[in-house]
Amino acid sequence: MLNAIGLQNRGLEDFVEHKIPHFKKLGVPLIVSIAGESTKEFGLLAKAMGRFPSVVKALEVNLSCPNVEGGGVNFMRKQKRIRDAIQAVRDNAGVLVLAKLSPELGDVLQIAEKVLAKGADGLSLINTLRGMSVHIKKRASRIVRDFGGLSGPAIKPVALRYVYQAKKEFGVPIIASGGISNWQDAVEFLIVGADLLAVGTANFVEPMATMDILRGLKDFCRTEKIATLDALRGTYVPAEGGRKRCQQ
């Protein structure tokens, strides 16, 4: 999918007034994804979410949305701003902080090392890649902007690579995202070391995709006699270097 929908939502006040009470009733841990157009905004968002420790258990800091004019990659292009944003969130958040990165920012592993040094507890890999599509008769973009965010199965091999490398390099908690469309995809990401899985684009195709993935994952584990996900997680065998289990 190539999208240019940005990050439209009703804003912080509406989220606090309506969404927080809703999720509180559900009684499940909530990871809130935040994105700002300045270091100050990142700090304010983190501080606001910190008012609800019984509901909000972690913050995913979106440093890399590629189809937003005011923020995202355009604002976060300079690595100093990336580090400052993480520092602002860390200074105002008492929960787990996960930095969401995209190859669009540059060397993912290099940036990951820097945000972890600034206080991020883990990573969310990966955000969409920038792409374009041309209407051959109009000779113009087929979407509202010249470039949009490419997501779904097309970016899965890239996402798998970065999740594997980052887990091996840093050993921190990682949310894996990028093309998880079925239970087989989920198993692949767990094998390379993902701690949590995020399903996005697949929901546009099948609204029950996440539940289908959970059922398929449970059936796979039962068939393979895998007692827990921890017994599956991080069991990738490198093509070189023997059969040593990848570092956790």
C-alpha atoms as a PDB file:
ATOM      1  CA  MET A   1       0.000   0.000   0.000  1.00  0.00           C
ATOM      2  CA  LEU A   2       1.190   3.497  -0.850  1.00  0.00           C
ATOM      3  CA  ASN A   3      -0.482   6.079   1.364  1.00  0.00           C
ATOM      4  CA  ALA A   4      -0.321   9.806   1.996  1.00  0.00           C
ATOM      5  CA  ILE A   5      -2.830   9.992   4.851  1.00  0.00           C
ATOM      6  CA  GLY A   6      -0.334  11.369   7.355  1.00  0.00           C
ATOM      7  CA  LEU A   7      -1.193  11.191  11.045  1.00  0.00           C
ATOM      8  CA  GLN A   8      -4.679  12.667  11.151  1.00  0.00           C
ATOM      9  CA  ASN A   9      -6.428  12.299  14.479  1.00  0.00           C
ATOM     10  CA  ARG A  10      -8.515  14.356  16.886  1.00  0.00           C
ATOM     11  CA  GLY A  11      -5.548  15.478  18.949  1.00  0.00           C
ATOM     12  CA  LEU A  12      -4.280  15.158  22.488  1.00  0.00           C
ATOM     13  CA  GLU A  13      -7.277  16.582  24.368  1.00  0.00           C
ATOM     14  CA  ASP A  14      -9.728  14.280  22.612  1.00  0.00           C
ATOM     15  CA  PHE A  15      -7.450  11.299  23.214  1.00  0.00           C
ATOM     16  CA  VAL A  16      -7.237  12.041  26.913  1.00  0.00           C
ATOM     17  CA  GLU A  17     -10.971  12.696  27.270  1.00  0.00           C
ATOM     18  CA  HIS A  18     -12.336   9.831  25.189  1.00  0.00           C
ATOM     19  CA  LYS A  19      -9.707   7.242  24.317  1.00  0.00           C
ATOM     20  CA  ILE A  20      -7.997   6.834  27.680  1.00  0.00           C
ATOM     21  CA  PRO A  21     -11.286   5.970  29.496  1.00  0.00           C
ATOM     22  CA  HIS A  22     -12.147   3.510  26.736  1.00  0.00           C
ATOM     23  CA  PHE A  23      -8.834   1.667  26.969  1.00  0.00           C
ATOM     24  CA  LYS A  24      -8.967   1.750  30.757  1.00  0.00           C
ATOM     25  CA  LYS A  25     -12.192  -0.252  30.624  1.00  0.00           C
ATOM     26  CA  LEU A  26     -10.537  -2.870  28.425  1.00  0.00           C
ATOM     27  CA  GLY A  27      -7.929  -3.501  31.096  1.00  0.00           C
ATOM     28  CA  VAL A  28      -5.056  -4.250  28.727  1.00  0.00           C
ATOM     29  CA  PRO A  29      -1.591  -2.607  28.577  1.00  0.00           C
ATOM     30  CA  LEU A  30      -1.652   0.338  26.182  1.00  0.00           C
ATOM     31  CA  ILE A  31       1.264   1.445  24.006  1.00  0.00           C
ATOM     32  CA  VAL A  32       0.638   4.982  22.732  1.00  0.00           C
ATOM     33  CA  SER A  33       2.347   6.161  19.562  1.00  0.00           C
ATOM     34  CA  ILE A  34       3.270   9.844  19.715  1.00  0.00           C
ATOM     35  CA  ALA A  35       4.594  12.235  17.064  1.00  0.00           C
ATOM     36  CA  GLY A  36       5.405  15.922  17.352  1.00  0.00           C
ATOM     37  CA  GLU A  37       6.576  18.720  15.098  1.00  0.00           C
ATOM     38  CA  SER A  38       9.089  20.025  17.633  1.00  0.00           C
ATOM     39  CA  THR A  39      11.119  18.799  20.572  1.00  0.00           C
ATOM     40  CA  LYS A  40       8.767  20.678  22.870  1.00  0.00           C
ATOM     41  CA  GLU A  41       5.720  18.876  21.469  1.00  0.00           C
ATOM     42  CA  PHE A  42       7.337  15.476  22.018  1.00  0.00           C
ATOM     43  CA  GLY A  43       7.952  16.433  25.630  1.00  0.00           C
ATOM     44  CA  LEU A  44       4.410  17.694  26.142  1.00  0.00           C
ATOM     45  CA  LEU A  45       2.901  14.532  24.687  1.00  0.00           C
ATOM     46  CA  ALA A  46       5.073  12.336  26.898  1.00  0.00           C
ATOM     47  CA  LYS A  47       4.172  14.351  29.985  1.00  0.00           C
ATOM     48  CA  ALA A  48       0.444  14.160  29.186  1.00  0.00           C
ATOM     49  CA  MET A  49       0.575  10.371  28.782  1.00  0.00           C
ATOM     50  CA  GLY A  50       2.480  10.140  32.061  1.00  0.00           C
ATOM     51  CA  ARG A  51      -0.670  11.237  33.864  1.00  0.00           C
ATOM     52  CA  PHE A  52      -2.207   7.815  33.216  1.00  0.00           C
ATOM     53  CA  PRO A  53       0.298   5.229  34.502  1.00  0.00           C
ATOM     54  CA  SER A  54      -2.422   2.662  35.128  1.00  0.00           C
ATOM     55  CA  VAL A  55      -3.351   2.682  31.430  1.00  0.00           C
ATOM     56  CA  VAL A  56      -0.350   3.824  29.373  1.00  0.00           C
ATOM     57  CA  LYS A  57       2.494   1.341  29.829  1.00  0.00           C
ATOM     58  CA  ALA A  58       4.792   2.412  26.985  1.00  0.00           C
ATOM     59  CA  LEU A  59       5.339   5.150  24.416  1.00  0.00           C
ATOM     60  CA  GLU A  60       6.279   4.534  20.806  1.00  0.00           C
ATOM     61  CA  VAL A  61       8.063   7.693  19.628  1.00  0.00           C
ATOM     62  CA  ASN A  62       7.390   8.150  15.915  1.00  0.00           C
ATOM     63  CA  LEU A  63      10.550   9.748  14.577  1.00  0.00           C
ATOM     64  CA  SER A  64      10.067   8.805  10.969  1.00  0.00           C
ATOM     65  CA  CYS A  65       6.640   9.189   9.363  1.00  0.00           C
ATOM     66  CA  PRO A  66       7.580   9.805   5.699  1.00  0.00           C
ATOM     67  CA  ASN A  67       4.370  11.446   4.513  1.00  0.00           C
ATOM     68  CA  VAL A  68       3.929  14.321   6.955  1.00  0.00           C
ATOM     69  CA  GLU A  69       4.895  17.847   5.942  1.00  0.00           C
ATOM     70  CA  GLY A  70       5.384  19.496   9.329  1.00  0.00           C
ATOM     71  CA  GLY A  71       7.069  16.650  11.193  1.00  0.00           C
ATOM     72  CA  GLY A  72       8.180  13.121  10.471  1.00  0.00           C
ATOM     73  CA  VAL A  73      11.249  12.589   8.368  1.00  0.00           C
ATOM     74  CA  ASN A  74      11.298  16.180   7.110  1.00  0.00           C
ATOM     75  CA  PHE A  75      11.558  17.550  10.638  1.00  0.00           C
ATOM     76  CA  MET A  76      13.595  14.693  12.030  1.00  0.00           C
ATOM     77  CA  ARG A  77      16.149  14.525   9.214  1.00  0.00           C
ATOM     78  CA  LYS A  78      18.968  15.876  11.362  1.00  0.00           C
ATOM     79  CA  GLN A  79      20.136  13.319  13.875  1.00  0.00           C
ATOM     80  CA  LYS A  80      20.515  15.931  16.602  1.00  0.00           C
ATOM     81  CA  ARG A  81      16.784  16.547  16.462  1.00  0.00           C
ATOM     82  CA  ILE A  82      16.177  12.834  16.737  1.00  0.00           C
ATOM     83  CA  ARG A  83      18.312  12.650  19.850  1.00  0.00           C
ATOM     84  CA  ASP A  84      16.685  15.774  21.317  1.00  0.00           C
ATOM     85  CA  ALA A  85      13.203  14.330  20.756  1.00  0.00           C
ATOM     86  CA  ILE A  86      14.089  11.113  22.576  1.00  0.00           C
ATOM     87  CA  GLN A  87      15.671  13.080  25.398  1.00  0.00           C
ATOM     88  CA  ALA A  88      12.520  15.211  25.735  1.00  0.00           C
ATOM     89  CA  VAL A  89      10.343  12.104  25.945  1.00  0.00           C
ATOM     90  CA  ARG A  90      12.696  10.383  28.381  1.00  0.00           C
ATOM     91  CA  ASP A  91      12.738  13.452  30.634  1.00  0.00           C
ATOM     92  CA  ASN A  92       8.937  13.487  30.784  1.00  0.00           C
ATOM     93  CA  ALA A  93       8.024   9.807  30.673  1.00  0.00           C
ATOM     94  CA  GLY A  94       8.238   7.240  33.441  1.00  0.00           C
ATOM     95  CA  VAL A  95       7.308   4.345  31.180  1.00  0.00           C
ATOM     96  CA  LEU A  96       9.007   2.229  28.530  1.00  0.00           C
ATOM     97  CA  VAL A  97      10.138   4.394  25.581  1.00  0.00           C
ATOM     98  CA  LEU A  98      10.452   2.807  22.134  1.00  0.00           C
ATOM     99  CA  ALA A  99      11.916   4.747  19.193  1.00  0.00           C
ATOM    100  CA  LYS A 100      10.192   4.105  15.857  1.00  0.00           C
ATOM    101  CA  LEU A 101      12.717   4.315  13.028  1.00  0.00           C
ATOM    102  CA  SER A 102      12.734   4.072   9.247  1.00  0.00           C
ATOM    103  CA  PRO A 103      15.582   3.520   6.761  1.00  0.00           C
ATOM    104  CA  GLU A 104      14.494   6.896   5.378  1.00  0.00           C
ATOM    105  CA  LEU A 105      16.344   8.499   8.285  1.00  0.00           C
ATOM    106  CA  GLY A 106      19.679   6.978   7.315  1.00  0.00           C
ATOM    107  CA  ASP A 107      21.624   4.110   8.856  1.00  0.00           C
ATOM    108  CA  VAL A 108      19.043   2.485  11.146  1.00  0.00           C
ATOM    109  CA  LEU A 109      21.585   0.732  13.366  1.00  0.00           C
ATOM    110  CA  GLN A 110      23.659   3.893  13.774  1.00  0.00           C
ATOM    111  CA  ILE A 111      20.608   5.945  14.712  1.00  0.00           C
ATOM    112  CA  ALA A 112      19.358   3.161  16.992  1.00  0.00           C
ATOM    113  CA  GLU A 113      22.607   3.275  18.932  1.00  0.00           C
ATOM    114  CA  LYS A 114      22.236   7.025  19.428  1.00  0.00           C
ATOM    115  CA  VAL A 115      18.606   6.997  20.561  1.00  0.00           C
ATOM    116  CA  LEU A 116      19.313   4.162  22.976  1.00  0.00           C
ATOM    117  CA  ALA A 117      22.164   6.214  24.418  1.00  0.00           C
ATOM    118  CA  LYS A 118      19.705   9.104  24.882  1.00  0.00           C
ATOM    119  CA  GLY A 119      17.321   7.033  26.980  1.00  0.00           C
ATOM    120  CA  ALA A 120      15.175   4.954  24.644  1.00  0.00           C
ATOM    121  CA  ASP A 121      14.491   1.537  26.178  1.00  0.00           C
ATOM    122  CA  GLY A 122      13.836  -0.191  22.886  1.00  0.00           C
ATOM    123  CA  LEU A 123      12.996   0.153  19.205  1.00  0.00           C
ATOM    124  CA  SER A 124      10.042  -0.101  16.839  1.00  0.00           C
ATOM    125  CA  LEU A 125      11.173  -1.327  13.408  1.00  0.00           C
ATOM    126  CA  ILE A 126      10.381  -0.312  10.767  1.00  0.00           C
ATOM    127  CA  ASN A 127       8.252   2.594   9.647  1.00  0.00           C
ATOM    128  CA  THR A 128       7.191   2.922   6.016  1.00  0.00           C
ATOM    129  CA  LEU A 129       9.540   3.678   3.139  1.00  0.00           C
ATOM    130  CA  ARG A 130       8.918   6.559   0.768  1.00  0.00           C
ATOM    131  CA  GLY A 131       7.636   5.633  -2.676  1.00  0.00           C
ATOM    132  CA  MET A 132       5.729   7.105  -5.573  1.00  0.00           C
ATOM    133  CA  SER A 133       3.211   6.131  -8.231  1.00  0.00           C
ATOM    134  CA  VAL A 134       2.578   7.948 -11.539  1.00  0.00           C
ATOM    135  CA  HIS A 135      -0.693   8.328 -13.450  1.00  0.00           C
ATOM    136  CA  ILE A 136       0.480   7.770 -17.013  1.00  0.00           C
ATOM    137  CA  LYS A 137      -2.259   9.873 -18.645  1.00  0.00           C
ATOM    138  CA  LYS A 138      -2.222  12.782 -16.214  1.00  0.00           C
ATOM    139  CA  ARG A 139       1.568  12.494 -15.883  1.00  0.00           C
ATOM    140  CA  ALA A 140       1.164  13.287 -12.221  1.00  0.00           C
ATOM    141  CA  SER A 141       1.109  11.494  -8.910  1.00  0.00           C
ATOM    142  CA  ARG A 142      -1.682   8.991  -8.331  1.00  0.00           C
ATOM    143  CA  ILE A 143      -1.819  10.080  -4.690  1.00  0.00           C
ATOM    144  CA  VAL A 144      -2.270  13.509  -3.129  1.00  0.00           C
ATOM    145  CA  ARG A 145       1.492  14.067  -2.738  1.00  0.00           C
ATOM    146  CA  ASP A 146       4.498  13.275  -4.873  1.00  0.00           C
ATOM    147  CA  PHE A 147       5.648  10.672  -2.372  1.00  0.00           C
ATOM    148  CA  GLY A 148       3.816   8.438   0.066  1.00  0.00           C
ATOM    149  CA  GLY A 149       4.576   5.798   2.661  1.00  0.00           C
ATOM    150  CA  LEU A 150       5.043   2.298   1.248  1.00  0.00           C
ATOM    151  CA  SER A 151       3.872  -0.410   3.640  1.00  0.00           C
ATOM    152  CA  GLY A 152       2.733  -4.003   3.596  1.00  0.00           C
ATOM    153  CA  PRO A 153       4.396  -7.175   2.221  1.00  0.00           C
ATOM    154  CA  ALA A 154       6.683  -5.164  -0.085  1.00  0.00           C
ATOM    155  CA  ILE A 155       8.799  -3.954   2.857  1.00  0.00           C
ATOM    156  CA  LYS A 156       8.765  -7.139   4.930  1.00  0.00           C
ATOM    157  CA  PRO A 157      12.250  -8.366   3.881  1.00  0.00           C
ATOM    158  CA  VAL A 158      13.724  -4.990   4.868  1.00  0.00           C
ATOM    159  CA  ALA A 159      11.900  -5.023   8.201  1.00  0.00           C
ATOM    160  CA  LEU A 160      13.024  -8.578   8.961  1.00  0.00           C
ATOM    161  CA  ARG A 161      16.630  -7.630   8.291  1.00  0.00           C
ATOM    162  CA  TYR A 162      16.595  -4.658  10.642  1.00  0.00           C
ATOM    163  CA  VAL A 163      14.759  -6.454  13.438  1.00  0.00           C
ATOM    164  CA  TYR A 164      17.302  -9.272  13.273  1.00  0.00           C
ATOM    165  CA  GLN A 165      20.309  -6.955  13.154  1.00  0.00           C
ATOM    166  CA  ALA A 166      19.078  -4.617  15.882  1.00  0.00           C
ATOM    167  CA  LYS A 167      18.185  -7.456  18.251  1.00  0.00           C
ATOM    168  CA  LYS A 168      21.546  -9.088  17.708  1.00  0.00           C
ATOM    169  CA  GLU A 169      23.433  -5.811  18.100  1.00  0.00           C
ATOM    170  CA  PHE A 170      21.628  -4.232  21.051  1.00  0.00           C
ATOM    171  CA  GLY A 171      19.515  -6.929  22.720  1.00  0.00           C
ATOM    172  CA  VAL A 172      16.742  -4.422  23.567  1.00  0.00           C
ATOM    173  CA  PRO A 173      12.939  -4.854  23.328  1.00  0.00           C
ATOM    174  CA  ILE A 174      11.744  -4.531  19.719  1.00  0.00           C
ATOM    175  CA  ILE A 175       8.300  -4.046  18.205  1.00  0.00           C
ATOM    176  CA  ALA A 176       8.397  -5.517  14.709  1.00  0.00           C
ATOM    177  CA  SER A 177       6.280  -4.000  11.956  1.00  0.00           C
ATOM    178  CA  GLY A 178       6.380  -4.038   8.198  1.00  0.00           C
ATOM    179  CA  GLY A 179       4.389  -6.491   6.121  1.00  0.00           C
ATOM    180  CA  ILE A 180       3.036  -8.808   8.820  1.00  0.00           C
ATOM    181  CA  SER A 181       0.010 -10.151   6.966  1.00  0.00           C
ATOM    182  CA  ASN A 182      -0.399 -13.726   8.208  1.00  0.00           C
ATOM    183  CA  TRP A 183       0.760 -16.077  10.945  1.00  0.00           C
ATOM    184  CA  GLN A 184       3.744 -17.229   8.884  1.00  0.00           C
ATOM    185  CA  ASP A 185       5.020 -13.640   8.786  1.00  0.00           C
ATOM    186  CA  ALA A 186       4.537 -13.397  12.534  1.00  0.00           C
ATOM    187  CA  VAL A 187       6.570 -16.567  13.089  1.00  0.00           C
ATOM    188  CA  GLU A 188       9.412 -15.210  10.942  1.00  0.00           C
ATOM    189  CA  PHE A 189       9.658 -12.024  12.984  1.00  0.00           C
ATOM    190  CA  LEU A 190       9.606 -13.961  16.248  1.00  0.00           C
ATOM    191  CA  ILE A 191      12.357 -16.253  14.997  1.00  0.00           C
ATOM    192  CA  VAL A 192      14.634 -13.276  14.270  1.00  0.00           C
ATOM    193  CA  GLY A 193      14.025 -11.921  17.765  1.00  0.00           C
ATOM    194  CA  ALA A 194      10.966  -9.629  17.803  1.00  0.00           C
ATOM    195  CA  ASP A 195       9.394  -9.113  21.221  1.00  0.00           C
ATOM    196  CA  LEU A 196       6.081  -7.648  20.020  1.00  0.00           C
ATOM    197  CA  LEU A 197       4.356  -7.586  16.639  1.00  0.00           C
ATOM    198  CA  ALA A 198       2.442  -4.713  15.032  1.00  0.00           C
ATOM    199  CA  VAL A 199      -0.120  -5.317  12.296  1.00  0.00           C
ATOM    200  CA  GLY A 200      -1.113  -2.352  10.150  1.00  0.00           C
ATOM    201  CA  THR A 201      -1.705  -2.627   6.406  1.00  0.00           C
ATOM    202  CA  ALA A 202      -3.198  -6.125   6.645  1.00  0.00           C
ATOM    203  CA  ASN A 203      -6.122  -4.632   8.604  1.00  0.00           C
ATOM    204  CA  PHE A 204      -7.156  -2.629   5.536  1.00  0.00           C
ATOM    205  CA  VAL A 205      -7.480  -5.875   3.595  1.00  0.00           C
ATOM    206  CA  GLU A 206      -8.975  -7.988   6.370  1.00  0.00           C
ATOM    207  CA  PRO A 207     -10.205  -6.240   9.543  1.00  0.00           C
ATOM    208  CA  MET A 208      -9.850  -9.505  11.488  1.00  0.00           C
ATOM    209  CA  ALA A 209      -6.251 -10.048  10.338  1.00  0.00           C
ATOM    210  CA  THR A 210      -4.778  -9.731  13.822  1.00  0.00           C
ATOM    211  CA  MET A 211      -7.102 -12.365  15.276  1.00  0.00           C
ATOM    212  CA  ASP A 212      -6.407 -14.675  12.316  1.00  0.00           C
ATOM    213  CA  ILE A 213      -2.679 -14.265  12.927  1.00  0.00           C
ATOM    214  CA  LEU A 214      -3.086 -15.090  16.627  1.00  0.00           C
ATOM    215  CA  ARG A 215      -5.058 -18.233  15.839  1.00  0.00           C
ATOM    216  CA  GLY A 216      -2.545 -19.339  13.221  1.00  0.00           C
ATOM    217  CA  LEU A 217       0.355 -18.697  15.574  1.00  0.00           C
ATOM    218  CA  LYS A 218      -1.295 -20.735  18.321  1.00  0.00           C
ATOM    219  CA  ASP A 219      -1.960 -23.641  15.925  1.00  0.00           C
ATOM    220  CA  PHE A 220       1.629 -23.547  14.667  1.00  0.00           C
ATOM    221  CA  CYS A 221       3.050 -23.688  18.183  1.00  0.00           C
ATOM    222  CA  ARG A 222       0.740 -26.542  19.096  1.00  0.00           C
ATOM    223  CA  THR A 223       1.703 -28.529  15.980  1.00  0.00           C
ATOM    224  CA  GLU A 224       5.426 -27.889  16.468  1.00  0.00           C
ATOM    225  CA  LYS A 225       5.163 -28.615  20.208  1.00  0.00           C
ATOM    226  CA  ILE A 226       6.440 -25.145  21.106  1.00  0.00           C
ATOM    227  CA  ALA A 227       5.344 -24.489  24.687  1.00  0.00           C
ATOM    228  CA  THR A 228       5.916 -20.730  24.802  1.00  0.00           C
ATOM    229  CA  LEU A 229       6.757 -17.920  22.400  1.00  0.00           C
ATOM    230  CA  ASP A 230      10.046 -17.489  24.255  1.00  0.00           C
ATOM    231  CA  ALA A 231      10.992 -20.963  23.027  1.00  0.00           C
ATOM    232  CA  LEU A 232      10.553 -19.697  19.459  1.00  0.00           C
ATOM    233  CA  ARG A 233      11.829 -16.148  19.823  1.00  0.00           C
ATOM    234  CA  GLY A 234      15.384 -15.506  18.644  1.00  0.00           C
ATOM    235  CA  THR A 235      16.025 -19.025  17.345  1.00  0.00           C
ATOM    236  CA  TYR A 236      17.262 -17.958  13.918  1.00  0.00           C
ATOM    237  CA  VAL A 237      20.250 -19.973  12.727  1.00  0.00           C
ATOM    238  CA  PRO A 238      22.697 -17.751  10.789  1.00  0.00           C
ATOM    239  CA  ALA A 239      23.712 -18.907   7.327  1.00  0.00           C
ATOM    240  CA  GLU A 240      27.341 -18.633   8.444  1.00  0.00           C
ATOM    241  CA  GLY A 241      28.869 -19.281  11.827  1.00  0.00           C
ATOM    242  CA  GLY A 242      27.237 -22.609  12.668  1.00  0.00           C
ATOM    243  CA  ARG A 243      24.046 -23.320  14.543  1.00  0.00           C
ATOM    244  CA  LYS A 244      24.563 -20.933  17.437  1.00  0.00           C
ATOM    245  CA  ARG A 245      21.309 -19.389  18.620  1.00  0.00           C
ATOM    246  CA  CYS A 246      21.167 -15.679  17.830  1.00  0.00           C
ATOM    247  CA  GLN A 247      21.954 -13.414  20.762  1.00  0.00           C
ATOM    248  CA  GLN A 248      19.018 -12.284  22.883  1.00  0.00           C
END
